[in-house]
Amino acid sequence: MQNPQPMNTTDSFATGSVVAAALAPQAVDTFEPVLRRLLAGTQNFVKQADGRWRPCGCQLGLAQCFDYADLMAPVQHRA
């Protein structure tokens, strides 16, 4: 069995950057089962001024932000 590659936990994105990422399992597991299913897939996040990440549009009315370490394999969207 191979060891998984370590994730890059250095956040070099500027405030307002939009990335596509999935939430890490430890972040998803903090929600109710119904929300877990909705939050488990890839979605867009925007970087806030305080350095945390908020789901774009907050389609679910989610008032929670996430740390960069909670995002799995973020990929920046190009304008």
PDB file of N, CA and C in Angstrom:
ATOM      1  N   MET A   1       0.848  -1.185   0.000  1.00  0.00           N
ATOM      2  CA  MET A   1       0.000   0.000   0.000  1.00  0.00           C
ATOM      3  C   MET A   1       0.883   1.235   0.000  1.00  0.00           C
ATOM      4  N   GLN A   2       0.532   2.205  -0.829  1.00  0.00           N
ATOM      5  CA  GLN A   2       1.307   3.429  -0.931  1.00  0.00           C
ATOM      6  C   GLN A   2       0.821   4.445   0.084  1.00  0.00           C
ATOM      7  N   ASN A   3       1.744   5.274   0.547  1.00  0.00           N
ATOM      8  CA  ASN A   3       1.366   6.374   1.430  1.00  0.00           C
ATOM      9  C   ASN A   3       0.806   7.509   0.599  1.00  0.00           C
ATOM     10  N   PRO A   4      -0.288   8.132   1.046  1.00  0.00           N
ATOM     11  CA  PRO A   4      -0.831   9.259   0.288  1.00  0.00           C
ATOM     12  C   PRO A   4       0.146  10.425   0.313  1.00  0.00           C
ATOM     13  N   GLN A   5       0.130  11.210  -0.750  1.00  0.00           N
ATOM     14  CA  GLN A   5       0.973  12.393  -0.824  1.00  0.00           C
ATOM     15  C   GLN A   5       0.488  13.422   0.190  1.00  0.00           C
ATOM     16  N   PRO A   6       1.409  14.116   0.880  1.00  0.00           N
ATOM     17  CA  PRO A   6       0.984  15.142   1.821  1.00  0.00           C
ATOM     18  C   PRO A   6       0.302  16.290   1.084  1.00  0.00           C
ATOM     19  N   MET A   7      -0.735  16.830   1.698  1.00  0.00           N
ATOM     20  CA  MET A   7      -1.450  17.948   1.098  1.00  0.00           C
ATOM     21  C   MET A   7      -0.704  19.240   1.363  1.00  0.00           C
ATOM     22  N   ASN A   8      -0.748  20.148   0.399  1.00  0.00           N
ATOM     23  CA  ASN A   8      -0.141  21.458   0.564  1.00  0.00           C
ATOM     24  C   ASN A   8      -1.100  22.304   1.384  1.00  0.00           C
ATOM     25  N   THR A   9      -0.688  22.685   2.582  1.00  0.00           N
ATOM     26  CA  THR A   9      -1.570  23.456   3.454  1.00  0.00           C
ATOM     27  C   THR A   9      -1.168  24.921   3.505  1.00  0.00           C
ATOM     28  N   THR A  10      -0.353  25.368   2.545  1.00  0.00           N
ATOM     29  CA  THR A  10       0.029  26.768   2.472  1.00  0.00           C
ATOM     30  C   THR A  10      -0.952  27.502   1.577  1.00  0.00           C
ATOM     31  N   ASP A  11      -1.625  28.475   2.122  1.00  0.00           N
ATOM     32  CA  ASP A  11      -2.629  29.243   1.395  1.00  0.00           C
ATOM     33  C   ASP A  11      -1.966  30.468   0.783  1.00  0.00           C
ATOM     34  N   SER A  12      -1.747  30.433  -0.526  1.00  0.00           N
ATOM     35  CA  SER A  12      -1.128  31.560  -1.213  1.00  0.00           C
ATOM     36  C   SER A  12      -2.133  32.350  -2.042  1.00  0.00           C
ATOM     37  N   PHE A  13      -3.428  32.094  -1.856  1.00  0.00           N
ATOM     38  CA  PHE A  13      -4.458  32.769  -2.623  1.00  0.00           C
ATOM     39  C   PHE A  13      -4.767  34.148  -2.036  1.00  0.00           C
ATOM     40  N   ALA A  14      -5.089  35.092  -2.905  1.00  0.00           N
ATOM     41  CA  ALA A  14      -5.433  36.445  -2.479  1.00  0.00           C
ATOM     42  C   ALA A  14      -6.896  36.504  -2.046  1.00  0.00           C
ATOM     43  N   THR A  15      -7.219  37.483  -1.213  1.00  0.00           N
ATOM     44  CA  THR A  15      -8.613  37.705  -0.810  1.00  0.00           C
ATOM     45  C   THR A  15      -9.466  37.883  -2.061  1.00  0.00           C
ATOM     46  N   GLY A  16     -10.609  37.233  -2.090  1.00  0.00           N
ATOM     47  CA  GLY A  16     -11.506  37.292  -3.238  1.00  0.00           C
ATOM     48  C   GLY A  16     -11.277  36.197  -4.256  1.00  0.00           C
ATOM     49  N   SER A  17     -10.218  35.404  -4.092  1.00  0.00           N
ATOM     50  CA  SER A  17      -9.965  34.296  -5.015  1.00  0.00           C
ATOM     51  C   SER A  17     -11.085  33.272  -4.906  1.00  0.00           C
ATOM     52  N   VAL A  18     -11.410  32.669  -6.032  1.00  0.00           N
ATOM     53  CA  VAL A  18     -12.429  31.626  -6.072  1.00  0.00           C
ATOM     54  C   VAL A  18     -11.741  30.332  -6.459  1.00  0.00           C
ATOM     55  N   VAL A  19     -11.960  29.289  -5.666  1.00  0.00           N
ATOM     56  CA  VAL A  19     -11.396  27.976  -5.954  1.00  0.00           C
ATOM     57  C   VAL A  19     -12.499  26.929  -5.962  1.00  0.00           C
ATOM     58  N   ALA A  20     -12.265  25.880  -6.733  1.00  0.00           N
ATOM     59  CA  ALA A  20     -13.135  24.700  -6.703  1.00  0.00           C
ATOM     60  C   ALA A  20     -12.437  23.677  -5.823  1.00  0.00           C
ATOM     61  N   ALA A  21     -13.149  23.152  -4.852  1.00  0.00           N
ATOM     62  CA  ALA A  21     -12.568  22.177  -3.931  1.00  0.00           C
ATOM     63  C   ALA A  21     -13.683  21.389  -3.254  1.00  0.00           C
ATOM     64  N   ALA A  22     -13.304  20.251  -2.736  1.00  0.00           N
ATOM     65  CA  ALA A  22     -14.203  19.473  -1.881  1.00  0.00           C
ATOM     66  C   ALA A  22     -13.757  19.700  -0.444  1.00  0.00           C
ATOM     67  N   LEU A  23     -14.689  19.604   0.464  1.00  0.00           N
ATOM     68  CA  LEU A  23     -14.338  19.715   1.881  1.00  0.00           C
ATOM     69  C   LEU A  23     -13.699  18.418   2.360  1.00  0.00           C
ATOM     70  N   ALA A  24     -12.726  18.536   3.216  1.00  0.00           N
ATOM     71  CA  ALA A  24     -12.087  17.370   3.814  1.00  0.00           C
ATOM     72  C   ALA A  24     -13.112  16.615   4.669  1.00  0.00           C
ATOM     73  N   PRO A  25     -12.964  15.304   4.780  1.00  0.00           N
ATOM     74  CA  PRO A  25     -13.923  14.510   5.553  1.00  0.00           C
ATOM     75  C   PRO A  25     -14.147  15.024   6.979  1.00  0.00           C
ATOM     76  N   GLN A  26     -13.098  15.486   7.648  1.00  0.00           N
ATOM     77  CA  GLN A  26     -13.274  15.971   9.020  1.00  0.00           C
ATOM     78  C   GLN A  26     -14.140  17.226   9.071  1.00  0.00           C
ATOM     79  N   ALA A  27     -14.167  18.021   8.013  1.00  0.00           N
ATOM     80  CA  ALA A  27     -15.036  19.199   7.976  1.00  0.00           C
ATOM     81  C   ALA A  27     -16.482  18.796   7.679  1.00  0.00           C
ATOM     82  N   VAL A  28     -16.661  17.866   6.748  1.00  0.00           N
ATOM     83  CA  VAL A  28     -18.005  17.406   6.378  1.00  0.00           C
ATOM     84  C   VAL A  28     -18.679  16.687   7.547  1.00  0.00           C
ATOM     85  N   ASP A  29     -17.906  15.926   8.298  1.00  0.00           N
ATOM     86  CA  ASP A  29     -18.466  15.120   9.388  1.00  0.00           C
ATOM     87  C   ASP A  29     -19.053  15.950  10.524  1.00  0.00           C
ATOM     88  N   THR A  30     -18.798  17.249  10.560  1.00  0.00           N
ATOM     89  CA  THR A  30     -19.340  18.093  11.625  1.00  0.00           C
ATOM     90  C   THR A  30     -20.793  18.478  11.383  1.00  0.00           C
ATOM     91  N   PHE A  31     -21.324  18.174  10.196  1.00  0.00           N
ATOM     92  CA  PHE A  31     -22.688  18.553   9.838  1.00  0.00           C
ATOM     93  C   PHE A  31     -23.672  17.399  10.020  1.00  0.00           C
ATOM     94  N   GLU A  32     -24.946  17.739  10.021  1.00  0.00           N
ATOM     95  CA  GLU A  32     -26.018  16.746  10.072  1.00  0.00           C
ATOM     96  C   GLU A  32     -25.938  15.859   8.825  1.00  0.00           C
ATOM     97  N   PRO A  33     -26.419  14.614   8.917  1.00  0.00           N
ATOM     98  CA  PRO A  33     -26.325  13.680   7.780  1.00  0.00           C
ATOM     99  C   PRO A  33     -26.872  14.222   6.458  1.00  0.00           C
ATOM    100  N   VAL A  34     -27.964  14.948   6.480  1.00  0.00           N
ATOM    101  CA  VAL A  34     -28.535  15.474   5.231  1.00  0.00           C
ATOM    102  C   VAL A  34     -27.574  16.478   4.597  1.00  0.00           C
ATOM    103  N   LEU A  35     -27.002  17.359   5.401  1.00  0.00           N
ATOM    104  CA  LEU A  35     -26.060  18.340   4.870  1.00  0.00           C
ATOM    105  C   LEU A  35     -24.756  17.687   4.417  1.00  0.00           C
ATOM    106  N   ARG A  36     -24.349  16.627   5.070  1.00  0.00           N
ATOM    107  CA  ARG A  36     -23.113  15.937   4.670  1.00  0.00           C
ATOM    108  C   ARG A  36     -23.172  15.513   3.211  1.00  0.00           C
ATOM    109  N   ARG A  37     -24.305  14.973   2.811  1.00  0.00           N
ATOM    110  CA  ARG A  37     -24.460  14.523   1.420  1.00  0.00           C
ATOM    111  C   ARG A  37     -24.375  15.688   0.452  1.00  0.00           C
ATOM    112  N   LEU A  38     -24.919  16.829   0.834  1.00  0.00           N
ATOM    113  CA  LEU A  38     -24.904  18.005  -0.040  1.00  0.00           C
ATOM    114  C   LEU A  38     -23.531  18.675  -0.091  1.00  0.00           C
ATOM    115  N   LEU A  39     -22.786  18.609   0.993  1.00  0.00           N
ATOM    116  CA  LEU A  39     -21.494  19.290   1.081  1.00  0.00           C
ATOM    117  C   LEU A  39     -20.315  18.425   0.661  1.00  0.00           C
ATOM    118  N   ALA A  40     -20.539  17.148   0.426  1.00  0.00           N
ATOM    119  CA  ALA A  40     -19.439  16.222   0.171  1.00  0.00           C
ATOM    120  C   ALA A  40     -18.791  16.404  -1.198  1.00  0.00           C
ATOM    121  N   GLY A  41     -19.471  16.960  -2.153  1.00  0.00           N
ATOM    122  CA  GLY A  41     -18.913  17.100  -3.497  1.00  0.00           C
ATOM    123  C   GLY A  41     -18.096  18.368  -3.678  1.00  0.00           C
ATOM    124  N   THR A  42     -17.546  18.511  -4.869  1.00  0.00           N
ATOM    125  CA  THR A  42     -16.778  19.707  -5.211  1.00  0.00           C
ATOM    126  C   THR A  42     -17.712  20.902  -5.329  1.00  0.00           C
ATOM    127  N   GLN A  43     -17.281  22.017  -4.775  1.00  0.00           N
ATOM    128  CA  GLN A  43     -18.036  23.260  -4.851  1.00  0.00           C
ATOM    129  C   GLN A  43     -17.065  24.427  -4.911  1.00  0.00           C
ATOM    130  N   ASN A  44     -17.577  25.609  -5.165  1.00  0.00           N
ATOM    131  CA  ASN A  44     -16.742  26.799  -5.242  1.00  0.00           C
ATOM    132  C   ASN A  44     -16.698  27.504  -3.894  1.00  0.00           C
ATOM    133  N   PHE A  45     -15.505  27.993  -3.552  1.00  0.00           N
ATOM    134  CA  PHE A  45     -15.284  28.739  -2.313  1.00  0.00           C
ATOM    135  C   PHE A  45     -14.603  30.048  -2.657  1.00  0.00           C
ATOM    136  N   VAL A  46     -14.923  31.107  -1.926  1.00  0.00           N
ATOM    137  CA  VAL A  46     -14.266  32.397  -2.101  1.00  0.00           C
ATOM    138  C   VAL A  46     -13.518  32.744  -0.818  1.00  0.00           C
ATOM    139  N   LYS A  47     -12.292  33.258  -0.986  1.00  0.00           N
ATOM    140  CA  LYS A  47     -11.468  33.598   0.176  1.00  0.00           C
ATOM    141  C   LYS A  47     -11.930  34.916   0.768  1.00  0.00           C
ATOM    142  N   GLN A  48     -12.160  34.917   2.073  1.00  0.00           N
ATOM    143  CA  GLN A  48     -12.608  36.094   2.804  1.00  0.00           C
ATOM    144  C   GLN A  48     -11.404  36.903   3.299  1.00  0.00           C
ATOM    145  N   ALA A  49     -11.648  38.138   3.704  1.00  0.00           N
ATOM    146  CA  ALA A  49     -10.585  39.020   4.183  1.00  0.00           C
ATOM    147  C   ALA A  49      -9.882  38.460   5.423  1.00  0.00           C
ATOM    148  N   ASP A  50     -10.596  37.657   6.220  1.00  0.00           N
ATOM    149  CA  ASP A  50      -9.987  37.089   7.431  1.00  0.00           C
ATOM    150  C   ASP A  50      -9.188  35.812   7.143  1.00  0.00           C
ATOM    151  N   GLY A  51      -9.098  35.416   5.859  1.00  0.00           N
ATOM    152  CA  GLY A  51      -8.310  34.254   5.474  1.00  0.00           C
ATOM    153  C   GLY A  51      -9.079  32.954   5.426  1.00  0.00           C
ATOM    154  N   ARG A  52     -10.332  32.973   5.892  1.00  0.00           N
ATOM    155  CA  ARG A  52     -11.140  31.753   5.822  1.00  0.00           C
ATOM    156  C   ARG A  52     -11.853  31.704   4.480  1.00  0.00           C
ATOM    157  N   TRP A  53     -12.461  30.561   4.192  1.00  0.00           N
ATOM    158  CA  TRP A  53     -13.115  30.319   2.903  1.00  0.00           C
ATOM    159  C   TRP A  53     -14.605  30.096   3.094  1.00  0.00           C
ATOM    160  N   ARG A  54     -15.425  30.780   2.292  1.00  0.00           N
ATOM    161  CA  ARG A  54     -16.890  30.665   2.357  1.00  0.00           C
ATOM    162  C   ARG A  54     -17.385  30.042   1.048  1.00  0.00           C
ATOM    163  N   PRO A  55     -18.323  29.104   1.143  1.00  0.00           N
ATOM    164  CA  PRO A  55     -18.906  28.563  -0.093  1.00  0.00           C
ATOM    165  C   PRO A  55     -19.524  29.689  -0.920  1.00  0.00           C
ATOM    166  N   CYS A  56     -19.252  29.706  -2.215  1.00  0.00           N
ATOM    167  CA  CYS A  56     -19.795  30.749  -3.102  1.00  0.00           C
ATOM    168  C   CYS A  56     -21.308  30.689  -3.121  1.00  0.00           C
ATOM    169  N   GLY A  57     -21.923  31.818  -2.962  1.00  0.00           N
ATOM    170  CA  GLY A  57     -23.368  31.912  -3.023  1.00  0.00           C
ATOM    171  C   GLY A  57     -24.072  31.393  -1.792  1.00  0.00           C
ATOM    172  N   CYS A  58     -23.377  30.622  -0.982  1.00  0.00           N
ATOM    173  CA  CYS A  58     -23.981  30.024   0.222  1.00  0.00           C
ATOM    174  C   CYS A  58     -25.370  29.498  -0.107  1.00  0.00           C
ATOM    175  N   GLN A  59     -25.429  28.683  -1.158  1.00  0.00           N
ATOM    176  CA  GLN A  59     -26.696  28.164  -1.663  1.00  0.00           C
ATOM    177  C   GLN A  59     -27.536  27.501  -0.584  1.00  0.00           C
ATOM    178  N   LEU A  60     -26.901  26.958   0.421  1.00  0.00           N
ATOM    179  CA  LEU A  60     -27.638  26.253   1.465  1.00  0.00           C
ATOM    180  C   LEU A  60     -27.910  27.154   2.665  1.00  0.00           C
ATOM    181  N   GLY A  61     -27.599  28.437   2.549  1.00  0.00           N
ATOM    182  CA  GLY A  61     -27.771  29.331   3.681  1.00  0.00           C
ATOM    183  C   GLY A  61     -26.726  29.076   4.746  1.00  0.00           C
ATOM    184  N   LEU A  62     -25.637  28.444   4.353  1.00  0.00           N
ATOM    185  CA  LEU A  62     -24.585  28.073   5.283  1.00  0.00           C
ATOM    186  C   LEU A  62     -23.821  29.314   5.719  1.00  0.00           C
ATOM    187  N   ALA A  63     -23.842  29.591   7.001  1.00  0.00           N
ATOM    188  CA  ALA A  63     -23.174  30.780   7.528  1.00  0.00           C
ATOM    189  C   ALA A  63     -21.767  30.465   8.015  1.00  0.00           C
ATOM    190  N   GLN A  64     -21.289  29.264   7.768  1.00  0.00           N
ATOM    191  CA  GLN A  64     -19.990  28.836   8.271  1.00  0.00           C
ATOM    192  C   GLN A  64     -18.905  29.025   7.221  1.00  0.00           C
ATOM    193  N   CYS A  65     -17.740  29.474   7.658  1.00  0.00           N
ATOM    194  CA  CYS A  65     -16.557  29.538   6.807  1.00  0.00           C
ATOM    195  C   CYS A  65     -15.618  28.406   7.199  1.00  0.00           C
ATOM    196  N   PHE A  66     -14.679  28.114   6.313  1.00  0.00           N
ATOM    197  CA  PHE A  66     -13.763  27.005   6.533  1.00  0.00           C
ATOM    198  C   PHE A  66     -12.326  27.474   6.434  1.00  0.00           C
ATOM    199  N   ASP A  67     -11.430  26.788   7.123  1.00  0.00           N
ATOM    200  CA  ASP A  67     -10.007  27.054   7.023  1.00  0.00           C
ATOM    201  C   ASP A  67      -9.475  26.422   5.747  1.00  0.00           C
ATOM    202  N   TYR A  68      -8.340  26.920   5.271  1.00  0.00           N
ATOM    203  CA  TYR A  68      -7.729  26.382   4.064  1.00  0.00           C
ATOM    204  C   TYR A  68      -7.458  24.885   4.208  1.00  0.00           C
ATOM    205  N   ALA A  69      -7.091  24.450   5.390  1.00  0.00           N
ATOM    206  CA  ALA A  69      -6.801  23.035   5.628  1.00  0.00           C
ATOM    207  C   ALA A  69      -8.045  22.153   5.452  1.00  0.00           C
ATOM    208  N   ASP A  70      -9.236  22.751   5.494  1.00  0.00           N
ATOM    209  CA  ASP A  70     -10.478  22.003   5.305  1.00  0.00           C
ATOM    210  C   ASP A  70     -10.789  21.751   3.828  1.00  0.00           C
ATOM    211  N   LEU A  71     -10.062  22.403   2.917  1.00  0.00           N
ATOM    212  CA  LEU A  71     -10.311  22.253   1.486  1.00  0.00           C
ATOM    213  C   LEU A  71      -9.363  21.217   0.901  1.00  0.00           C
ATOM    214  N   MET A  72      -9.926  20.304   0.118  1.00  0.00           N
ATOM    215  CA  MET A  72      -9.111  19.259  -0.507  1.00  0.00           C
ATOM    216  C   MET A  72      -8.846  19.632  -1.965  1.00  0.00           C
ATOM    217  N   ALA A  73      -7.577  19.698  -2.341  1.00  0.00           N
ATOM    218  CA  ALA A  73      -7.134  19.950  -3.713  1.00  0.00           C
ATOM    219  C   ALA A  73      -7.800  21.158  -4.360  1.00  0.00           C
ATOM    220  N   PRO A  74      -7.671  22.351  -3.732  1.00  0.00           N
ATOM    221  CA  PRO A  74      -8.294  23.538  -4.342  1.00  0.00           C
ATOM    222  C   PRO A  74      -7.645  23.910  -5.664  1.00  0.00           C
ATOM    223  N   VAL A  75      -8.482  24.256  -6.634  1.00  0.00           N
ATOM    224  CA  VAL A  75      -8.033  24.679  -7.964  1.00  0.00           C
ATOM    225  C   VAL A  75      -8.651  26.039  -8.239  1.00  0.00           C
ATOM    226  N   GLN A  76      -7.798  27.037  -8.532  1.00  0.00           N
ATOM    227  CA  GLN A  76      -8.299  28.395  -8.737  1.00  0.00           C
ATOM    228  C   GLN A  76      -9.029  28.510 -10.067  1.00  0.00           C
ATOM    229  N   HIS A  77     -10.145  29.251 -10.029  1.00  0.00           N
ATOM    230  CA  HIS A  77     -10.899  29.566 -11.245  1.00  0.00           C
ATOM    231  C   HIS A  77     -10.248  30.755 -11.911  1.00  0.00           C
ATOM    232  N   ARG A  78     -10.115  30.685 -13.197  1.00  0.00           N
ATOM    233  CA  ARG A  78      -9.545  31.804 -13.962  1.00  0.00           C
ATOM    234  C   ARG A  78     -10.686  32.658 -14.500  1.00  0.00           C
ATOM    235  N   ALA A  79     -10.508  33.968 -14.444  1.00  0.00           N
ATOM    236  CA  ALA A  79     -11.547  34.905 -14.933  1.00  0.00           C
ATOM    237  C   ALA A  79     -11.544  34.974 -16.437  1.00  0.00           C
TER     238      ALA A  79
END
